[in-house]
All heavy atoms as atom14 arrays in JSON, in Angstrom:
{
  "sequence": "WEIKLPENCLHNGSKVKTVVENHSRRTEHIPLFARRVVQDPKTVQWCC",
  "atom14_mask": [
    [1, 1, 1, 1, 1, 1, 1, 1, 1, 1, 1, 1, 1, 1],
    [1, 1, 1, 1, 1, 1, 1, 1, 1, 0, 0, 0, 0, 0],
    [1, 1, 1, 1, 1, 1, 1, 1, 0, 0, 0, 0, 0, 0],
    [1, 1, 1, 1, 1, 1, 1, 1, 1, 0, 0, 0, 0, 0],
    [1, 1, 1, 1, 1, 1, 1, 1, 0, 0, 0, 0, 0, 0],
    [1, 1, 1, 1, 1, 1, 1, 0, 0, 0, 0, 0, 0, 0],
    [1, 1, 1, 1, 1, 1, 1, 1, 1, 0, 0, 0, 0, 0],
    [1, 1, 1, 1, 1, 1, 1, 1, 0, 0, 0, 0, 0, 0],
    [1, 1, 1, 1, 1, 1, 0, 0, 0, 0, 0, 0, 0, 0],
    [1, 1, 1, 1, 1, 1, 1, 1, 0, 0, 0, 0, 0, 0],
    [1, 1, 1, 1, 1, 1, 1, 1, 1, 1, 0, 0, 0, 0],
    [1, 1, 1, 1, 1, 1, 1, 1, 0, 0, 0, 0, 0, 0],
    [1, 1, 1, 1, 0, 0, 0, 0, 0, 0, 0, 0, 0, 0],
    [1, 1, 1, 1, 1, 1, 0, 0, 0, 0, 0, 0, 0, 0],
    [1, 1, 1, 1, 1, 1, 1, 1, 1, 0, 0, 0, 0, 0],
    [1, 1, 1, 1, 1, 1, 1, 0, 0, 0, 0, 0, 0, 0],
    [1, 1, 1, 1, 1, 1, 1, 1, 1, 0, 0, 0, 0, 0],
    [1, 1, 1, 1, 1, 1, 1, 0, 0, 0, 0, 0, 0, 0],
    [1, 1, 1, 1, 1, 1, 1, 0, 0, 0, 0, 0, 0, 0],
    [1, 1, 1, 1, 1, 1, 1, 0, 0, 0, 0, 0, 0, 0],
    [1, 1, 1, 1, 1, 1, 1, 1, 1, 0, 0, 0, 0, 0],
    [1, 1, 1, 1, 1, 1, 1, 1, 0, 0, 0, 0, 0, 0],
    [1, 1, 1, 1, 1, 1, 1, 1, 1, 1, 0, 0, 0, 0],
    [1, 1, 1, 1, 1, 1, 0, 0, 0, 0, 0, 0, 0, 0],
    [1, 1, 1, 1, 1, 1, 1, 1, 1, 1, 1, 0, 0, 0],
    [1, 1, 1, 1, 1, 1, 1, 1, 1, 1, 1, 0, 0, 0],
    [1, 1, 1, 1, 1, 1, 1, 0, 0, 0, 0, 0, 0, 0],
    [1, 1, 1, 1, 1, 1, 1, 1, 1, 0, 0, 0, 0, 0],
    [1, 1, 1, 1, 1, 1, 1, 1, 1, 1, 0, 0, 0, 0],
    [1, 1, 1, 1, 1, 1, 1, 1, 0, 0, 0, 0, 0, 0],
    [1, 1, 1, 1, 1, 1, 1, 0, 0, 0, 0, 0, 0, 0],
    [1, 1, 1, 1, 1, 1, 1, 1, 0, 0, 0, 0, 0, 0],
    [1, 1, 1, 1, 1, 1, 1, 1, 1, 1, 1, 0, 0, 0],
    [1, 1, 1, 1, 1, 0, 0, 0, 0, 0, 0, 0, 0, 0],
    [1, 1, 1, 1, 1, 1, 1, 1, 1, 1, 1, 0, 0, 0],
    [1, 1, 1, 1, 1, 1, 1, 1, 1, 1, 1, 0, 0, 0],
    [1, 1, 1, 1, 1, 1, 1, 0, 0, 0, 0, 0, 0, 0],
    [1, 1, 1, 1, 1, 1, 1, 0, 0, 0, 0, 0, 0, 0],
    [1, 1, 1, 1, 1, 1, 1, 1, 1, 0, 0, 0, 0, 0],
    [1, 1, 1, 1, 1, 1, 1, 1, 0, 0, 0, 0, 0, 0],
    [1, 1, 1, 1, 1, 1, 1, 0, 0, 0, 0, 0, 0, 0],
    [1, 1, 1, 1, 1, 1, 1, 1, 1, 0, 0, 0, 0, 0],
    [1, 1, 1, 1, 1, 1, 1, 0, 0, 0, 0, 0, 0, 0],
    [1, 1, 1, 1, 1, 1, 1, 0, 0, 0, 0, 0, 0, 0],
    [1, 1, 1, 1, 1, 1, 1, 1, 1, 0, 0, 0, 0, 0],
    [1, 1, 1, 1, 1, 1, 1, 1, 1, 1, 1, 1, 1, 1],
    [1, 1, 1, 1, 1, 1, 0, 0, 0, 0, 0, 0, 0, 0],
    [1, 1, 1, 1, 1, 1, 0, 0, 0, 0, 0, 0, 0, 0]
  ],
  "atom14_positions": [
    [[-87.53, -24.66, -106.64], [-86.92, -25.7, -107.46], [-87.15, -27.07, -106.83], [-87.27, -27.18, -105.62], [-85.42, -25.45, -107.6], [-85.07, -24.14, -108.24], [-85.05, -22.91, -107.64], [-84.69, -23.92, -109.59], [-84.68, -21.94, -108.53], [-84.44, -22.53, -109.75], [-84.52, -24.77, -110.7], [-84.04, -21.98, -110.95], [-84.11, -24.21, -111.9], [-83.88, -22.83, -112.02]],
    [[-87.18, -28.11, -107.69], [-87.46, -29.45, -107.18], [-86.75, -30.51, -108.01], [-86.54, -30.35, -109.21], [-88.97, -29.72, -107.21], [-89.38, -31.11, -106.72], [-90.88, -31.35, -106.9], [-91.27, -31.79, -108.01], [-91.63, -31.1, -105.95], [0.0, 0.0, 0.0], [0.0, 0.0, 0.0], [0.0, 0.0, 0.0], [0.0, 0.0, 0.0], [0.0, 0.0, 0.0]],
    [[-86.37, -31.59, -107.33], [-85.87, -32.78, -108.02], [-86.37, -34.0, -107.25], [-86.42, -34.0, -106.02], [-84.32, -32.8, -108.11], [-83.86, -33.98, -108.96], [-83.68, -32.83, -106.73], [-82.37, -33.97, -109.28], [0.0, 0.0, 0.0], [0.0, 0.0, 0.0], [0.0, 0.0, 0.0], [0.0, 0.0, 0.0], [0.0, 0.0, 0.0], [0.0, 0.0, 0.0]],
    [[-86.76, -35.03, -108.01], [-87.21, -36.29, -107.41], [-86.21, -37.37, -107.77], [-85.77, -37.47, -108.92], [-88.61, -36.64, -107.9], [-89.68, -35.66, -107.42], [-91.07, -36.05, -107.89], [-92.12, -35.07, -107.38], [-93.49, -35.42, -107.84], [0.0, 0.0, 0.0], [0.0, 0.0, 0.0], [0.0, 0.0, 0.0], [0.0, 0.0, 0.0], [0.0, 0.0, 0.0]],
    [[-85.88, -38.2, -106.77], [-84.9, -39.25, -106.96], [-85.46, -40.59, -106.48], [-86.27, -40.62, -105.55], [-83.62, -38.94, -106.18], [-82.86, -37.68, -106.6], [-81.79, -37.34, -105.59], [-82.24, -37.87, -107.99], [0.0, 0.0, 0.0], [0.0, 0.0, 0.0], [0.0, 0.0, 0.0], [0.0, 0.0, 0.0], [0.0, 0.0, 0.0], [0.0, 0.0, 0.0]],
    [[-85.05, -41.68, -107.11], [-85.53, -43.01, -106.7], [-85.1, -43.35, -105.27], [-84.16, -42.76, -104.73], [-84.86, -43.95, -107.71], [-84.48, -43.09, -108.85], [-84.17, -41.75, -108.29], [0.0, 0.0, 0.0], [0.0, 0.0, 0.0], [0.0, 0.0, 0.0], [0.0, 0.0, 0.0], [0.0, 0.0, 0.0], [0.0, 0.0, 0.0], [0.0, 0.0, 0.0]],
    [[-85.77, -44.31, -104.7], [-85.52, -44.76, -103.33], [-84.06, -45.08, -103.07], [-83.49, -44.72, -102.05], [-86.38, -46.0, -103.05], [-86.09, -46.7, -101.75], [-86.76, -46.05, -100.56], [-87.8, -45.42, -100.76], [-86.24, -46.19, -99.46], [0.0, 0.0, 0.0], [0.0, 0.0, 0.0], [0.0, 0.0, 0.0], [0.0, 0.0, 0.0], [0.0, 0.0, 0.0]],
    [[-83.41, -45.78, -104.02], [-82.06, -46.26, -103.79], [-80.97, -45.24, -104.05], [-79.78, -45.54, -103.9], [-81.79, -47.52, -104.64], [-81.94, -47.25, -106.14], [-82.27, -46.14, -106.55], [-81.71, -48.26, -106.95], [0.0, 0.0, 0.0], [0.0, 0.0, 0.0], [0.0, 0.0, 0.0], [0.0, 0.0, 0.0], [0.0, 0.0, 0.0], [0.0, 0.0, 0.0]],
    [[-81.33, -44.03, -104.44], [-80.33, -42.99, -104.71], [-79.74, -42.43, -103.42], [-78.54, -42.16, -103.34], [-80.94, -41.86, -105.54], [-80.79, -42.11, -107.31], [0.0, 0.0, 0.0], [0.0, 0.0, 0.0], [0.0, 0.0, 0.0], [0.0, 0.0, 0.0], [0.0, 0.0, 0.0], [0.0, 0.0, 0.0], [0.0, 0.0, 0.0], [0.0, 0.0, 0.0]],
    [[-80.59, -42.22, -102.45], [-80.16, -41.59, -101.21], [-80.46, -42.49, -100.02], [-81.36, -43.32, -100.07], [-80.85, -40.24, -101.01], [-80.65, -39.18, -102.09], [-81.5, -37.95, -101.78], [-79.18, -38.8, -102.22], [0.0, 0.0, 0.0], [0.0, 0.0, 0.0], [0.0, 0.0, 0.0], [0.0, 0.0, 0.0], [0.0, 0.0, 0.0], [0.0, 0.0, 0.0]],
    [[-79.71, -42.29, -98.97], [-79.95, -43.01, -97.72], [-79.47, -42.12, -96.58], [-78.86, -41.07, -96.8], [-79.2, -44.36, -97.71], [-77.72, -44.22, -97.92], [-76.84, -43.9, -96.9], [-76.96, -44.34, -99.04], [-75.62, -43.84, -97.36], [-75.66, -44.09, -98.67], [0.0, 0.0, 0.0], [0.0, 0.0, 0.0], [0.0, 0.0, 0.0], [0.0, 0.0, 0.0]],
    [[-79.73, -42.55, -95.38], [-79.31, -41.77, -94.22], [-77.79, -41.66, -94.22], [-77.07, -42.65, -94.18], [-79.78, -42.46, -92.93], [-79.74, -41.52, -91.75], [-80.11, -40.36, -91.86], [-79.3, -42.02, -90.61], [0.0, 0.0, 0.0], [0.0, 0.0, 0.0], [0.0, 0.0, 0.0], [0.0, 0.0, 0.0], [0.0, 0.0, 0.0], [0.0, 0.0, 0.0]],
    [[-77.27, -40.43, -94.31], [-75.84, -40.22, -94.33], [-75.28, -39.92, -95.71], [-74.07, -39.62, -95.84], [0.0, 0.0, 0.0], [0.0, 0.0, 0.0], [0.0, 0.0, 0.0], [0.0, 0.0, 0.0], [0.0, 0.0, 0.0], [0.0, 0.0, 0.0], [0.0, 0.0, 0.0], [0.0, 0.0, 0.0], [0.0, 0.0, 0.0], [0.0, 0.0, 0.0]],
    [[-76.11, -40.0, -96.76], [-75.64, -39.63, -98.1], [-75.14, -38.19, -98.1], [-75.81, -37.3, -97.57], [-76.77, -39.78, -99.13], [-77.12, -41.11, -99.32], [0.0, 0.0, 0.0], [0.0, 0.0, 0.0], [0.0, 0.0, 0.0], [0.0, 0.0, 0.0], [0.0, 0.0, 0.0], [0.0, 0.0, 0.0], [0.0, 0.0, 0.0], [0.0, 0.0, 0.0]],
    [[-74.0, -37.96, -98.71], [-73.41, -36.61, -98.74], [-73.81, -35.93, -100.05], [-73.66, -36.5, -101.13], [-71.9, -36.68, -98.59], [-71.45, -37.1, -97.19], [-69.95, -37.15, -97.07], [-69.52, -37.36, -95.62], [-70.11, -38.55, -94.99], [0.0, 0.0, 0.0], [0.0, 0.0, 0.0], [0.0, 0.0, 0.0], [0.0, 0.0, 0.0], [0.0, 0.0, 0.0]],
    [[-74.3, -34.69, -99.94], [-74.78, -33.95, -101.11], [-74.43, -32.47, -101.0], [-74.14, -31.96, -99.92], [-76.32, -34.09, -101.26], [-76.73, -35.52, -101.53], [-77.03, -33.56, -100.01], [0.0, 0.0, 0.0], [0.0, 0.0, 0.0], [0.0, 0.0, 0.0], [0.0, 0.0, 0.0], [0.0, 0.0, 0.0], [0.0, 0.0, 0.0], [0.0, 0.0, 0.0]],
    [[-74.46, -31.81, -102.14], [-74.34, -30.36, -102.22], [-75.25, -29.87, -103.34], [-75.61, -30.63, -104.25], [-72.89, -29.93, -102.5], [-71.98, -29.9, -101.29], [-70.66, -29.25, -101.63], [-69.77, -29.11, -100.4], [-68.5, -28.42, -100.73], [0.0, 0.0, 0.0], [0.0, 0.0, 0.0], [0.0, 0.0, 0.0], [0.0, 0.0, 0.0], [0.0, 0.0, 0.0]],
    [[-75.59, -28.6, -103.27], [-76.4, -27.97, -104.31], [-75.51, -27.1, -105.18], [-74.74, -26.28, -104.65], [-77.52, -27.11, -103.7], [-78.23, -27.89, -102.74], [-78.46, -26.62, -104.77], [0.0, 0.0, 0.0], [0.0, 0.0, 0.0], [0.0, 0.0, 0.0], [0.0, 0.0, 0.0], [0.0, 0.0, 0.0], [0.0, 0.0, 0.0], [0.0, 0.0, 0.0]],
    [[-75.59, -27.28, -106.47], [-74.85, -26.44, -107.41], [-75.81, -25.38, -107.94], [-76.9, -25.71, -108.44], [-74.27, -27.27, -108.58], [-73.56, -26.36, -109.58], [-73.32, -28.33, -108.05], [0.0, 0.0, 0.0], [0.0, 0.0, 0.0], [0.0, 0.0, 0.0], [0.0, 0.0, 0.0], [0.0, 0.0, 0.0], [0.0, 0.0, 0.0], [0.0, 0.0, 0.0]],
    [[-75.42, -24.13, -107.82], [-76.28, -23.01, -108.23], [-75.63, -22.28, -109.4], [-74.46, -21.89, -109.33], [-76.51, -22.04, -107.06], [-77.36, -20.86, -107.52], [-77.16, -22.77, -105.9], [0.0, 0.0, 0.0], [0.0, 0.0, 0.0], [0.0, 0.0, 0.0], [0.0, 0.0, 0.0], [0.0, 0.0, 0.0], [0.0, 0.0, 0.0], [0.0, 0.0, 0.0]],
    [[-76.42, -22.1, -110.46], [-75.94, -21.4, -111.64], [-76.61, -20.04, -111.7], [-77.84, -19.94, -111.73], [-76.28, -22.22, -112.89], [-75.63, -21.74, -114.16], [-75.88, -22.7, -115.3], [-75.21, -23.75, -115.37], [-76.8, -22.4, -116.12], [0.0, 0.0, 0.0], [0.0, 0.0, 0.0], [0.0, 0.0, 0.0], [0.0, 0.0, 0.0], [0.0, 0.0, 0.0]],
    [[-75.8, -19.0, -111.67], [-76.3, -17.63, -111.77], [-75.52, -16.96, -112.87], [-74.32, -16.69, -112.73], [-76.12, -16.89, -110.43], [-76.73, -15.49, -110.46], [-76.26, -14.63, -111.19], [-77.75, -15.28, -109.66], [0.0, 0.0, 0.0], [0.0, 0.0, 0.0], [0.0, 0.0, 0.0], [0.0, 0.0, 0.0], [0.0, 0.0, 0.0], [0.0, 0.0, 0.0]],
    [[-76.2, -16.7, -114.02], [-75.54, -16.25, -115.25], [-74.52, -17.31, -115.65], [-74.86, -18.46, -115.8], [-74.93, -14.86, -115.06], [-75.97, -13.81, -114.75], [-76.99, -13.49, -115.62], [-76.17, -13.05, -113.64], [-77.77, -12.56, -115.09], [-77.29, -12.28, -113.88], [0.0, 0.0, 0.0], [0.0, 0.0, 0.0], [0.0, 0.0, 0.0], [0.0, 0.0, 0.0]],
    [[-73.26, -16.98, -115.78], [-72.26, -17.97, -116.23], [-71.47, -18.53, -115.06], [-70.53, -19.31, -115.26], [-71.29, -17.31, -117.23], [-70.63, -16.21, -116.62], [0.0, 0.0, 0.0], [0.0, 0.0, 0.0], [0.0, 0.0, 0.0], [0.0, 0.0, 0.0], [0.0, 0.0, 0.0], [0.0, 0.0, 0.0], [0.0, 0.0, 0.0], [0.0, 0.0, 0.0]],
    [[-71.87, -18.2, -113.84], [-71.11, -18.62, -112.65], [-71.8, -19.77, -111.94], [-73.0, -19.72, -111.68], [-70.97, -17.42, -111.71], [-70.08, -17.66, -110.5], [-69.77, -16.34, -109.82], [-68.95, -16.53, -108.63], [-69.41, -16.44, -107.39], [-70.68, -16.17, -107.18], [-68.61, -16.61, -106.37], [0.0, 0.0, 0.0], [0.0, 0.0, 0.0], [0.0, 0.0, 0.0]],
    [[-71.04, -20.82, -111.62], [-71.55, -21.95, -110.87], [-70.85, -22.04, -109.52], [-69.62, -22.0, -109.46], [-71.35, -23.27, -111.63], [-72.33, -23.48, -112.76], [-72.13, -24.85, -113.39], [-72.94, -24.99, -114.6], [-72.58, -25.69, -115.65], [-71.41, -26.32, -115.66], [-73.37, -25.79, -116.7], [0.0, 0.0, 0.0], [0.0, 0.0, 0.0], [0.0, 0.0, 0.0]],
    [[-71.65, -22.15, -108.46], [-71.1, -22.26, -107.11], [-71.74, -23.43, -106.38], [-72.86, -23.84, -106.69], [-71.35, -20.96, -106.31], [-72.74, -20.61, -106.39], [-70.52, -19.81, -106.86], [0.0, 0.0, 0.0], [0.0, 0.0, 0.0], [0.0, 0.0, 0.0], [0.0, 0.0, 0.0], [0.0, 0.0, 0.0], [0.0, 0.0, 0.0], [0.0, 0.0, 0.0]],
    [[-71.02, -23.97, -105.4], [-71.5, -25.1, -104.63], [-71.93, -24.64, -103.25], [-71.24, -23.82, -102.61], [-70.39, -26.17, -104.51], [-69.96, -26.73, -105.85], [-68.8, -27.69, -105.72], [-68.41, -28.01, -104.57], [-68.26, -28.13, -106.76], [0.0, 0.0, 0.0], [0.0, 0.0, 0.0], [0.0, 0.0, 0.0], [0.0, 0.0, 0.0], [0.0, 0.0, 0.0]],
    [[-73.07, -25.17, -102.76], [-73.64, -24.7, -101.5], [-74.2, -25.86, -100.68], [-74.52, -26.93, -101.22], [-74.77, -23.7, -101.77], [-74.34, -22.49, -102.53], [-73.97, -21.3, -101.93], [-74.2, -22.28, -103.87], [-73.64, -20.41, -102.85], [-73.76, -20.99, -104.04], [0.0, 0.0, 0.0], [0.0, 0.0, 0.0], [0.0, 0.0, 0.0], [0.0, 0.0, 0.0]],
    [[-74.36, -25.59, -99.39], [-75.08, -26.49, -98.51], [-76.57, -26.19, -98.68], [-76.97, -25.02, -98.69], [-74.7, -26.26, -97.03], [-73.19, -26.39, -96.84], [-75.46, -27.22, -96.12], [-72.64, -27.75, -97.04], [0.0, 0.0, 0.0], [0.0, 0.0, 0.0], [0.0, 0.0, 0.0], [0.0, 0.0, 0.0], [0.0, 0.0, 0.0], [0.0, 0.0, 0.0]],
    [[-77.44, -27.19, -98.84], [-78.88, -26.93, -98.94], [-79.38, -26.08, -97.77], [-78.93, -26.25, -96.63], [-79.48, -28.34, -98.9], [-78.42, -29.21, -99.5], [-77.12, -28.63, -99.03], [0.0, 0.0, 0.0], [0.0, 0.0, 0.0], [0.0, 0.0, 0.0], [0.0, 0.0, 0.0], [0.0, 0.0, 0.0], [0.0, 0.0, 0.0], [0.0, 0.0, 0.0]],
    [[-80.29, -25.17, -98.07], [-80.75, -24.2, -97.06], [-81.41, -24.86, -95.86], [-81.32, -24.36, -94.74], [-81.73, -23.21, -97.7], [-81.17, -22.28, -98.77], [-82.28, -21.4, -99.33], [-80.06, -21.4, -98.2], [0.0, 0.0, 0.0], [0.0, 0.0, 0.0], [0.0, 0.0, 0.0], [0.0, 0.0, 0.0], [0.0, 0.0, 0.0], [0.0, 0.0, 0.0]],
    [[-82.09, -25.99, -96.08], [-82.82, -26.63, -95.0], [-82.14, -27.92, -94.55], [-82.78, -28.84, -94.04], [-84.26, -26.92, -95.44], [-85.08, -25.66, -95.63], [-84.99, -24.93, -96.81], [-85.92, -25.21, -94.62], [-85.74, -23.77, -96.99], [-86.67, -24.05, -94.8], [-86.58, -23.33, -95.97], [0.0, 0.0, 0.0], [0.0, 0.0, 0.0], [0.0, 0.0, 0.0]],
    [[-80.82, -27.98, -94.72], [-80.06, -29.17, -94.32], [-80.27, -29.47, -92.84], [-80.19, -28.57, -91.99], [-78.57, -28.95, -94.6], [0.0, 0.0, 0.0], [0.0, 0.0, 0.0], [0.0, 0.0, 0.0], [0.0, 0.0, 0.0], [0.0, 0.0, 0.0], [0.0, 0.0, 0.0], [0.0, 0.0, 0.0], [0.0, 0.0, 0.0], [0.0, 0.0, 0.0]],
    [[-80.55, -30.74, -92.51], [-80.76, -31.17, -91.13], [-79.46, -31.6, -90.46], [-79.38, -31.65, -89.24], [-81.76, -32.33, -91.08], [-83.11, -32.03, -91.74], [-83.91, -31.01, -90.97], [-85.17, -30.69, -91.63], [-86.29, -31.38, -91.47], [-86.3, -32.44, -90.68], [-87.4, -31.01, -92.09], [0.0, 0.0, 0.0], [0.0, 0.0, 0.0], [0.0, 0.0, 0.0]],
    [[-78.48, -31.94, -91.27], [-77.18, -32.32, -90.72], [-76.08, -31.86, -91.67], [-76.13, -32.12, -92.88], [-77.09, -33.83, -90.48], [-75.73, -34.27, -89.96], [-75.79, -35.64, -89.3], [-74.46, -36.2, -89.08], [-73.63, -35.85, -88.09], [-73.99, -34.9, -87.24], [-72.44, -36.41, -87.95], [0.0, 0.0, 0.0], [0.0, 0.0, 0.0], [0.0, 0.0, 0.0]],
    [[-75.07, -31.19, -91.13], [-73.94, -30.68, -91.9], [-72.66, -31.13, -91.2], [-72.53, -30.99, -89.98], [-73.99, -29.14, -92.0], [-72.81, -28.62, -92.81], [-75.3, -28.7, -92.64], [0.0, 0.0, 0.0], [0.0, 0.0, 0.0], [0.0, 0.0, 0.0], [0.0, 0.0, 0.0], [0.0, 0.0, 0.0], [0.0, 0.0, 0.0], [0.0, 0.0, 0.0]],
    [[-71.72, -31.68, -91.98], [-70.51, -32.24, -91.38], [-69.27, -31.73, -92.11], [-69.34, -31.31, -93.27], [-70.52, -33.78, -91.42], [-71.65, -34.33, -90.55], [-70.66, -34.29, -92.86], [0.0, 0.0, 0.0], [0.0, 0.0, 0.0], [0.0, 0.0, 0.0], [0.0, 0.0, 0.0], [0.0, 0.0, 0.0], [0.0, 0.0, 0.0], [0.0, 0.0, 0.0]],
    [[-68.14, -31.79, -91.4], [-66.87, -31.37, -91.97], [-66.01, -32.59, -92.28], [-65.84, -33.47, -91.43], [-66.12, -30.45, -91.0], [-64.84, -29.85, -91.56], [-64.16, -28.92, -90.56], [-64.17, -29.17, -89.37], [-63.58, -27.85, -91.06], [0.0, 0.0, 0.0], [0.0, 0.0, 0.0], [0.0, 0.0, 0.0], [0.0, 0.0, 0.0], [0.0, 0.0, 0.0]],
    [[-65.47, -32.64, -93.49], [-64.6, -33.73, -93.87], [-63.25, -33.55, -93.17], [-62.62, -32.5, -93.31], [-64.39, -33.74, -95.39], [-63.62, -34.95, -95.87], [-62.41, -35.04, -95.56], [-64.21, -35.81, -96.56], [0.0, 0.0, 0.0], [0.0, 0.0, 0.0], [0.0, 0.0, 0.0], [0.0, 0.0, 0.0], [0.0, 0.0, 0.0], [0.0, 0.0, 0.0]],
    [[-62.8, -34.54, -92.41], [-61.55, -34.38, -91.65], [-60.31, -34.22, -92.52], [-59.3, -33.68, -92.07], [-61.49, -35.68, -90.82], [-62.33, -36.65, -91.57], [-63.42, -35.85, -92.2], [0.0, 0.0, 0.0], [0.0, 0.0, 0.0], [0.0, 0.0, 0.0], [0.0, 0.0, 0.0], [0.0, 0.0, 0.0], [0.0, 0.0, 0.0], [0.0, 0.0, 0.0]],
    [[-60.39, -34.68, -93.79], [-59.22, -34.58, -94.67], [-59.21, -33.27, -95.46], [-58.21, -32.56, -95.48], [-59.2, -35.78, -95.63], [-58.97, -37.12, -94.93], [-58.92, -38.26, -95.95], [-58.67, -39.6, -95.25], [-58.63, -40.73, -96.21], [0.0, 0.0, 0.0], [0.0, 0.0, 0.0], [0.0, 0.0, 0.0], [0.0, 0.0, 0.0], [0.0, 0.0, 0.0]],
    [[-60.33, -32.96, -96.1], [-60.38, -31.75, -96.93], [-60.78, -30.52, -96.13], [-60.63, -29.4, -96.59], [-61.4, -31.94, -98.08], [-62.72, -32.07, -97.52], [-61.07, -33.18, -98.88], [0.0, 0.0, 0.0], [0.0, 0.0, 0.0], [0.0, 0.0, 0.0], [0.0, 0.0, 0.0], [0.0, 0.0, 0.0], [0.0, 0.0, 0.0], [0.0, 0.0, 0.0]],
    [[-61.33, -30.71, -94.93], [-61.82, -29.65, -94.04], [-63.01, -28.92, -94.65], [-63.41, -27.86, -94.16], [-60.69, -28.64, -93.69], [-61.04, -27.84, -92.45], [-59.37, -29.36, -93.44], [0.0, 0.0, 0.0], [0.0, 0.0, 0.0], [0.0, 0.0, 0.0], [0.0, 0.0, 0.0], [0.0, 0.0, 0.0], [0.0, 0.0, 0.0], [0.0, 0.0, 0.0]],
    [[-63.57, -29.44, -95.73], [-64.75, -28.83, -96.34], [-66.02, -29.36, -95.66], [-66.05, -30.47, -95.15], [-64.79, -29.13, -97.84], [-63.69, -28.47, -98.63], [-63.82, -28.72, -100.12], [-64.56, -29.6, -100.56], [-63.1, -27.95, -100.9], [0.0, 0.0, 0.0], [0.0, 0.0, 0.0], [0.0, 0.0, 0.0], [0.0, 0.0, 0.0], [0.0, 0.0, 0.0]],
    [[-67.05, -28.53, -95.68], [-68.33, -28.91, -95.07], [-69.31, -29.32, -96.16], [-69.32, -28.74, -97.25], [-68.92, -27.74, -94.28], [-68.11, -27.38, -93.07], [-66.93, -26.7, -93.04], [-68.43, -27.66, -91.7], [-66.5, -26.56, -91.74], [-67.39, -27.14, -90.9], [-69.49, -28.32, -91.08], [-67.39, -27.23, -89.52], [-69.5, -28.41, -89.7], [-68.45, -27.88, -88.93]],
    [[-70.15, -30.29, -95.86], [-71.19, -30.68, -96.81], [-72.4, -31.19, -96.04], [-72.35, -31.39, -94.82], [-70.69, -31.74, -97.8], [-70.55, -33.39, -97.12], [0.0, 0.0, 0.0], [0.0, 0.0, 0.0], [0.0, 0.0, 0.0], [0.0, 0.0, 0.0], [0.0, 0.0, 0.0], [0.0, 0.0, 0.0], [0.0, 0.0, 0.0], [0.0, 0.0, 0.0]],
    [[-73.5, -31.37, -96.76], [-74.75, -31.82, -96.16], [-74.81, -33.35, -96.16], [-74.43, -33.99, -97.14], [-75.93, -31.25, -96.94], [-77.54, -31.95, -96.52], [0.0, 0.0, 0.0], [0.0, 0.0, 0.0], [0.0, 0.0, 0.0], [0.0, 0.0, 0.0], [0.0, 0.0, 0.0], [0.0, 0.0, 0.0], [0.0, 0.0, 0.0], [0.0, 0.0, 0.0]]
  ]
}
């Protein structure tokens, strides 16, 4: 799968997640090749 985004969409430190649809179910994931993954101190959730 692929997506292309303009220069100004992302920058160093932009937080992202991948949404995966399998049949009728949607789940949120960290990209498989993420170079940096961090935990939000408030929500305790991890993201890329």
